[in-house]
Protein backbone atom coordinates (compact mmCIF):
# COMPACT_ATOMS: atom_id res chain seq x y z
CA MET A 1 -32.36 0.31 -44.72
CA SER A 2 -34.72 -1.60 -42.45
CA ASN A 3 -32.74 -4.79 -42.98
CA PHE A 4 -29.57 -2.94 -41.98
CA THR A 5 -31.28 -1.70 -38.76
CA LYS A 6 -32.49 -5.17 -37.96
CA GLN A 7 -29.00 -6.53 -38.44
CA ILE A 8 -27.61 -3.96 -36.03
CA GLU A 9 -30.25 -4.85 -33.44
CA GLN A 10 -29.45 -8.55 -33.85
CA ASN A 11 -25.72 -7.86 -33.43
CA PHE A 12 -26.39 -6.08 -30.13
CA LYS A 13 -28.47 -9.00 -28.94
CA ASP A 14 -25.66 -11.40 -29.88
CA ILE A 15 -23.14 -9.23 -28.00
CA ASP A 16 -25.35 -9.23 -24.88
CA ALA A 17 -25.73 -13.00 -25.13
CA LEU A 18 -21.94 -13.44 -25.39
CA LYS A 19 -21.42 -11.09 -22.38
CA SER A 20 -23.88 -13.15 -20.34
CA LYS A 21 -22.14 -16.36 -21.38
CA LEU A 22 -18.74 -14.94 -20.40
CA LEU A 23 -20.02 -13.88 -16.97
CA GLU A 24 -21.50 -17.32 -16.47
CA LEU A 25 -18.16 -18.97 -17.38
CA ARG A 26 -16.31 -16.63 -14.98
CA ASP A 27 -18.49 -17.75 -12.08
CA PRO A 28 -16.11 -19.70 -9.78
CA GLU A 29 -18.43 -22.71 -9.41
CA ASN A 30 -18.97 -23.09 -13.18
CA LEU A 31 -15.26 -22.54 -13.82
CA GLN A 32 -14.35 -25.33 -11.45
CA ALA A 33 -16.72 -27.67 -13.33
CA VAL A 34 -15.15 -26.71 -16.67
CA LEU A 35 -11.67 -27.27 -15.27
CA SER A 36 -12.63 -30.64 -13.82
CA ASP A 37 -14.04 -31.78 -17.15
CA GLY A 38 -10.96 -30.53 -18.94
CA CYS A 39 -8.65 -32.37 -16.57
CA THR A 40 -10.34 -35.73 -16.96
CA GLY A 41 -7.63 -38.34 -17.33
CA VAL A 42 -4.87 -35.99 -16.11
CA LYS A 43 -2.89 -37.66 -13.33
CA ASP A 44 -1.53 -35.85 -10.30
CA PHE A 45 2.03 -34.70 -10.62
CA THR A 46 4.39 -36.80 -8.53
CA SER A 47 6.07 -34.76 -5.80
CA ASN A 48 8.60 -36.44 -3.55
CA LEU A 49 10.61 -33.53 -2.12
CA LYS A 50 12.98 -34.31 0.75
CA SER A 51 14.77 -31.99 3.16
CA CYS A 52 18.35 -32.00 1.85
CA LYS A 53 20.01 -29.14 3.72
CA ILE A 54 19.37 -27.33 7.01
CA LEU A 55 20.53 -23.71 7.27
CA ALA A 56 20.84 -22.97 10.97
CA GLY A 57 22.28 -19.76 12.30
CA HIS A 58 19.45 -17.34 13.08
CA PHE A 59 18.44 -16.76 16.69
CA GLY A 60 15.01 -15.30 16.00
CA LYS A 61 11.94 -15.99 13.94
CA ILE A 62 12.73 -16.05 10.20
CA TYR A 63 10.29 -13.80 8.37
CA ALA A 64 11.58 -13.59 4.81
CA MET A 65 13.97 -15.17 2.28
CA ASP A 66 14.95 -14.78 -1.34
CA TRP A 67 17.02 -16.78 -3.79
CA GLY A 68 19.93 -15.04 -5.60
CA ALA A 69 20.43 -14.94 -9.36
CA ASP A 70 22.37 -18.18 -9.20
CA GLU A 71 20.95 -21.51 -8.12
CA LYS A 72 22.63 -21.72 -4.74
CA THR A 73 22.57 -18.37 -2.93
CA VAL A 74 19.88 -17.66 -0.35
CA LEU A 75 19.23 -14.43 1.59
CA SER A 76 17.24 -14.69 4.84
CA ALA A 77 15.92 -12.09 7.30
CA ALA A 78 15.04 -12.82 10.91
CA GLN A 79 13.91 -10.91 13.97
CA ASP A 80 17.29 -11.48 15.59
CA GLY A 81 18.16 -8.34 13.63
CA SER A 82 20.24 -9.90 10.89
CA LEU A 83 20.35 -10.69 7.21
CA ILE A 84 22.30 -13.83 6.38
CA LEU A 85 23.66 -14.70 2.94
CA TRP A 86 23.94 -18.50 2.56
CA ASP A 87 25.44 -20.99 0.18
CA ALA A 88 22.41 -23.21 0.21
CA MET A 89 24.09 -26.19 -1.40
CA LEU A 90 27.02 -26.30 1.01
CA ALA A 91 24.91 -25.08 4.00
CA TYR A 92 27.26 -22.39 5.25
CA LYS A 93 27.08 -18.63 5.87
CA LYS A 94 28.74 -16.41 3.32
CA ASP A 95 27.97 -13.05 4.99
CA VAL A 96 25.97 -11.54 7.87
CA ILE A 97 24.50 -8.05 7.94
CA ASN A 98 23.57 -6.65 11.34
CA LEU A 99 20.43 -4.55 10.84
CA ARG A 100 19.67 -1.33 12.67
CA SER A 101 16.17 -2.52 13.38
CA SER A 102 15.43 -6.14 14.36
CA TRP A 103 11.76 -5.94 13.35
CA VAL A 104 12.43 -6.99 9.76
CA MET A 105 9.56 -8.41 7.63
CA THR A 106 10.89 -8.53 4.07
CA CYS A 107 14.13 -8.95 2.11
CA ALA A 108 15.17 -9.36 -1.50
CA MET A 109 18.32 -9.59 -3.64
CA SER A 110 19.08 -7.56 -6.75
CA PRO A 111 19.33 -9.45 -10.10
CA ASN A 112 23.14 -9.19 -10.15
CA GLY A 113 23.49 -10.05 -6.46
CA SER A 114 25.26 -6.79 -5.59
CA ALA A 115 22.57 -5.34 -3.36
CA THR A 116 19.86 -6.27 -0.88
CA VAL A 117 16.72 -4.53 0.32
CA SER A 118 15.10 -5.12 3.68
CA GLY A 119 12.55 -3.44 5.91
CA GLY A 120 9.84 -3.93 8.47
CA LEU A 121 8.33 -2.04 11.37
CA ASP A 122 10.84 0.80 10.93
CA ASN A 123 8.94 1.84 7.76
CA ILE A 124 12.24 2.17 5.92
CA ALA A 125 13.49 0.32 2.82
CA THR A 126 17.19 -0.13 3.54
CA ILE A 127 19.60 -0.97 0.74
CA TYR A 128 22.93 -2.66 1.48
CA LYS A 129 25.67 -3.05 -1.14
CA MET A 130 27.31 -6.48 -0.86
CA PRO A 131 31.15 -6.63 -0.88
CA GLU A 132 32.94 -8.40 -3.73
CA ASP A 133 34.01 -12.00 -3.09
CA GLY A 134 37.22 -12.05 -1.14
CA GLU A 135 36.65 -8.69 0.58
CA GLY A 136 35.60 -10.26 3.86
CA GLY A 137 32.37 -10.33 5.80
CA THR A 138 29.93 -7.47 6.02
CA GLY A 139 29.47 -7.44 9.78
CA ASP A 140 28.43 -3.91 10.71
CA LEU A 141 28.06 -2.79 7.13
CA LYS A 142 26.52 0.64 6.86
CA PRO A 143 23.35 1.09 4.76
CA TYR A 144 24.01 2.27 1.20
CA LYS A 145 20.63 3.98 0.96
CA GLN A 146 17.64 4.41 3.26
CA LEU A 147 14.46 4.96 1.34
CA LEU A 148 11.92 6.95 3.37
CA GLU A 149 8.46 7.55 2.03
CA HIS A 150 6.24 4.81 3.49
CA THR A 151 4.13 5.71 6.52
CA GLY A 152 3.52 2.10 7.47
CA TYR A 153 5.56 -1.07 7.92
CA LEU A 154 7.25 -2.68 4.96
CA SER A 155 5.69 -6.06 4.10
CA GLY A 156 7.13 -7.03 0.69
CA SER A 157 9.80 -6.14 -1.79
CA VAL A 158 11.07 -7.12 -5.23
CA PHE A 159 13.80 -5.73 -7.47
CA LEU A 160 12.68 -4.51 -10.84
CA ASP A 161 16.32 -4.26 -11.95
CA ASP A 162 19.64 -3.54 -10.26
CA ASN A 163 18.72 0.11 -9.63
CA LYS A 164 14.96 -0.08 -9.09
CA VAL A 165 13.00 -1.84 -6.34
CA ILE A 166 9.27 -2.05 -5.58
CA THR A 167 8.11 -2.22 -1.91
CA SER A 168 4.70 -2.79 -0.38
CA SER A 169 3.54 -1.42 2.94
CA GLY A 170 0.90 -1.26 5.63
CA ASP A 171 0.14 2.27 4.40
CA ALA A 172 -1.95 0.66 1.64
CA CYS A 173 0.36 1.48 -1.23
CA ALA A 174 3.36 0.20 -3.19
CA ILE A 175 6.33 2.38 -4.19
CA LEU A 176 8.80 2.11 -7.07
CA TRP A 177 12.19 3.49 -6.05
CA ASP A 178 15.28 4.76 -7.82
CA ILE A 179 18.04 3.43 -5.59
CA GLU A 180 20.93 5.57 -6.79
CA ALA A 181 18.86 8.75 -6.49
CA GLY A 182 17.39 7.61 -3.17
CA THR A 183 13.95 8.82 -4.14
CA HIS A 184 10.63 7.31 -5.22
CA ILE A 185 9.65 7.20 -8.86
CA SER A 186 6.00 6.29 -8.50
CA LYS A 187 3.54 5.57 -5.72
CA PHE A 188 0.77 3.01 -6.52
CA GLN A 189 -2.37 3.80 -4.61
CA GLY A 190 -5.64 1.95 -5.01
CA HIS A 191 -5.84 -0.62 -2.23
CA THR A 192 -8.01 0.26 0.78
CA SER A 193 -5.98 -1.67 3.36
CA ASP A 194 -2.44 -2.96 4.06
CA VAL A 195 -0.58 -4.18 0.96
CA MET A 196 1.11 -7.40 2.10
CA ASP A 197 3.16 -8.56 -0.91
CA VAL A 198 4.29 -7.69 -4.44
CA SER A 199 5.54 -9.87 -7.30
CA LEU A 200 6.63 -9.20 -10.89
CA LEU A 201 4.84 -10.66 -13.88
CA ALA A 202 7.67 -11.97 -16.07
CA ASP A 203 8.38 -10.54 -19.53
CA SER A 204 6.03 -7.62 -19.09
CA ASN A 205 5.77 -4.17 -17.51
CA LEU A 206 3.32 -5.48 -14.91
CA PHE A 207 3.47 -6.39 -11.25
CA VAL A 208 0.84 -7.72 -8.84
CA SER A 209 0.05 -6.71 -5.30
CA GLY A 210 -2.01 -8.51 -2.66
CA SER A 211 -3.80 -6.72 0.17
CA CYS A 212 -5.82 -7.09 3.38
CA ASP A 213 -8.70 -5.61 1.39
CA MET A 214 -9.07 -9.10 -0.05
CA VAL A 215 -8.19 -8.23 -3.63
CA ALA A 216 -5.12 -8.50 -5.79
CA LYS A 217 -4.29 -5.69 -8.21
CA VAL A 218 -2.14 -5.75 -11.37
CA TRP A 219 -0.26 -2.55 -12.12
CA ASP A 220 1.89 -1.16 -14.95
CA HIS A 221 5.06 0.05 -13.21
CA ARG A 222 5.60 2.68 -15.93
CA ASP A 223 2.52 4.65 -14.83
CA ALA A 224 1.47 5.15 -11.21
CA LYS A 225 -2.16 5.63 -12.31
CA ALA A 226 -2.21 2.39 -14.33
CA ASP A 227 -4.25 0.25 -11.92
CA VAL A 228 -4.73 -2.21 -14.74
CA MET A 229 -6.83 -4.98 -13.18
CA THR A 230 -8.47 -5.92 -9.88
CA PHE A 231 -8.93 -9.59 -8.99
CA PRO A 232 -11.43 -10.44 -6.20
CA GLY A 233 -12.14 -13.95 -4.90
CA HIS A 234 -10.70 -14.19 -1.39
CA GLU A 235 -12.86 -14.04 1.74
CA SER A 236 -10.15 -12.67 4.01
CA ASP A 237 -6.75 -10.90 3.98
CA ILE A 238 -4.35 -11.75 1.15
CA ASN A 239 -0.90 -12.39 2.60
CA ALA A 240 1.16 -13.43 -0.47
CA VAL A 241 1.24 -13.30 -4.27
CA ASP A 242 3.55 -14.80 -6.88
CA GLY A 243 3.70 -14.47 -10.65
CA SER A 244 4.35 -17.43 -12.88
CA ARG A 245 7.52 -17.39 -15.00
CA ASN A 246 5.52 -17.09 -18.22
CA GLY A 247 3.85 -13.92 -16.95
CA ASN A 248 0.30 -15.02 -17.88
CA THR A 249 -0.87 -16.11 -14.46
CA PHE A 250 -0.35 -15.37 -10.77
CA ILE A 251 -1.42 -16.88 -7.45
CA SER A 252 -2.70 -15.24 -4.29
CA ALA A 253 -3.07 -16.76 -0.85
CA GLY A 254 -4.26 -15.62 2.54
CA ASP A 255 -6.14 -16.05 5.78
CA ASP A 256 -9.08 -17.88 4.18
CA SER A 257 -6.81 -20.98 3.77
CA SER A 258 -7.12 -20.88 -0.01
CA ILE A 259 -4.82 -20.25 -2.97
CA ILE A 260 -6.36 -18.82 -6.13
CA MET A 261 -4.69 -18.94 -9.53
CA HIS A 262 -5.67 -15.93 -11.68
CA ASP A 263 -5.28 -15.55 -15.44
CA VAL A 264 -4.25 -12.06 -16.61
CA ARG A 265 -5.29 -12.61 -20.23
CA SER A 266 -8.86 -13.67 -19.46
CA TYR A 267 -9.08 -11.46 -16.38
CA GLY A 268 -10.48 -14.15 -14.09
CA PRO A 269 -9.79 -17.08 -11.80
CA LEU A 270 -8.56 -20.42 -13.14
CA GLN A 271 -8.51 -22.66 -10.10
CA THR A 272 -8.79 -22.60 -6.28
CA TYR A 273 -6.58 -24.75 -4.11
CA SER A 274 -7.97 -25.62 -0.71
CA SER A 275 -8.96 -28.55 1.46
CA PRO A 276 -11.49 -29.05 4.25
CA THR A 277 -8.69 -30.52 6.36
CA VAL A 278 -6.39 -27.45 5.90
CA ILE A 279 -7.91 -24.53 7.82
CA SER A 280 -4.85 -22.40 8.78
CA SER A 281 -3.74 -19.14 7.28
CA ILE A 282 -1.31 -19.11 4.40
CA THR A 283 1.77 -16.94 4.94
CA SER A 284 3.63 -17.43 1.64
CA VAL A 285 3.13 -18.97 -1.76
CA VAL A 286 5.26 -19.67 -4.84
CA PHE A 287 5.05 -21.42 -8.25
CA SER A 288 7.50 -24.09 -9.30
CA ALA A 289 9.69 -23.17 -12.28
CA SER A 290 7.31 -24.91 -14.68
CA SER A 291 4.18 -23.64 -12.86
CA ARG A 292 2.86 -27.20 -12.67
CA VAL A 293 3.21 -27.16 -8.87
CA ILE A 294 2.36 -24.59 -6.18
CA TYR A 295 4.05 -24.49 -2.77
CA GLY A 296 2.30 -22.85 0.15
CA GLY A 297 3.58 -22.07 3.64
CA TYR A 298 0.97 -22.38 6.40
CA ASP A 299 0.53 -21.38 10.01
CA ASP A 300 0.05 -25.01 10.99
CA TYR A 301 3.82 -25.63 10.52
CA HIS A 302 3.38 -27.34 7.14
CA CYS A 303 4.26 -26.60 3.56
CA TYR A 304 1.60 -28.07 1.29
CA VAL A 305 2.24 -28.91 -2.36
CA TRP A 306 -0.58 -28.56 -4.90
CA ASP A 307 -0.97 -29.75 -8.48
CA THR A 308 -2.08 -26.75 -10.56
CA LEU A 309 -3.95 -28.88 -13.12
CA THR A 310 -5.89 -31.26 -10.90
CA GLY A 311 -6.19 -28.95 -7.92
CA ASN A 312 -5.19 -31.71 -5.56
CA GLN A 313 -2.80 -31.56 -2.62
CA ILE A 314 0.01 -33.94 -3.57
CA GLN A 315 2.50 -33.64 -0.68
CA SER A 316 2.88 -32.25 2.81
CA LEU A 317 6.30 -31.14 4.04
CA ASP A 318 6.17 -31.53 7.81
CA ASP A 319 9.71 -30.97 9.12
CA HIS A 320 9.28 -27.43 10.50
CA THR A 321 8.23 -27.13 14.14
CA ASN A 322 6.64 -23.70 13.92
CA ARG A 323 4.95 -21.48 11.36
CA VAL A 324 6.34 -21.67 7.79
CA SER A 325 6.72 -17.97 7.11
CA CYS A 326 8.48 -17.79 3.76
CA LEU A 327 9.56 -19.91 0.79
CA GLY A 328 11.00 -19.67 -2.71
CA VAL A 329 12.16 -21.66 -5.70
CA ASN A 330 15.63 -21.09 -7.20
CA ILE A 331 16.26 -19.92 -10.75
CA THR A 332 16.78 -23.38 -12.20
CA GLY A 333 13.80 -24.87 -10.37
CA ASN A 334 15.81 -27.75 -8.85
CA ALA A 335 15.52 -26.62 -5.23
CA MET A 336 12.94 -25.03 -2.97
CA CYS A 337 13.71 -23.30 0.31
CA THR A 338 11.37 -22.77 3.32
CA GLY A 339 11.96 -20.65 6.40
CA GLY A 340 10.01 -20.65 9.64
CA TRP A 341 9.53 -19.31 13.11
CA ASP A 342 11.55 -22.30 14.33
CA GLN A 343 14.62 -20.25 13.23
CA ILE A 344 15.52 -22.81 10.56
CA LEU A 345 15.76 -22.70 6.77
CA ARG A 346 15.35 -25.97 4.91
CA VAL A 347 16.35 -26.66 1.35
CA TRP A 348 14.18 -29.26 -0.45
CA ALA A 349 14.92 -31.22 -3.62
């Protein structure tokens, strides 16, 4: 019996030692060293993106954009009070929606391309149904639904499916909506400050939110109380988040000029992407289709490209003449689009 007791005591000691080792490995400085050793001999990814198309037509600062389900459709929102649907490959407008409020801050397209969501300082998530091809322009199209529950500005949005959308707000929460019913399904509360962005984690029931409280949270959209994980690491407001297409990692970026890649499975940071020469706030961030590259939009008018493995900055896209406020990668991964306060969208390939 005494040997059995001693074995139990030894097992507890081993568990405590493993816990201490895990905490040590999760320390950002030690993790960076491990990653550096692991990446010895790995060469930087070659990035040679060029501005291929210019989408000009807005007369105000562009705040948000989203790629459609195909590889060539782009939706953009600007503070000229309009949503524009573009054929990004041919660089022409397909449709224009005149918004009831010009203070728009977010927009997104449904998976089947039949609807859009937008919102901003009006605190309303407005849904528009897009006309079928050949039915003419939208012009003064009336809202299909106006979703009223937020008590702060809308900052981010993403469609869960063609009838459900998740929005984030300055009221420190995110809401999952049933579009057809025009009501909210769940309200996700847990942040202590403005929630600035939301993104889905692919092939799962999870989504991630980033907030001015300097943490990112992972939620299960099936349960409003399922605040699954909290990821610290930033020293200032988080402005943008994006989930990788394999659903195992996500990135967050903000006013501390850094991008952090987090691993959902190990519940910790994998890598930080920053440079002493880049000291401006990050407005937007997105993975490439393969997740080998990260694109970040910055206040200093640049879009910087980072290698996820080496942590190095591998390209700087310098064609915008004002803040790069939004960006995205299309479904096939063969084009990236940036939008800025210079009222221009650029398609890169």
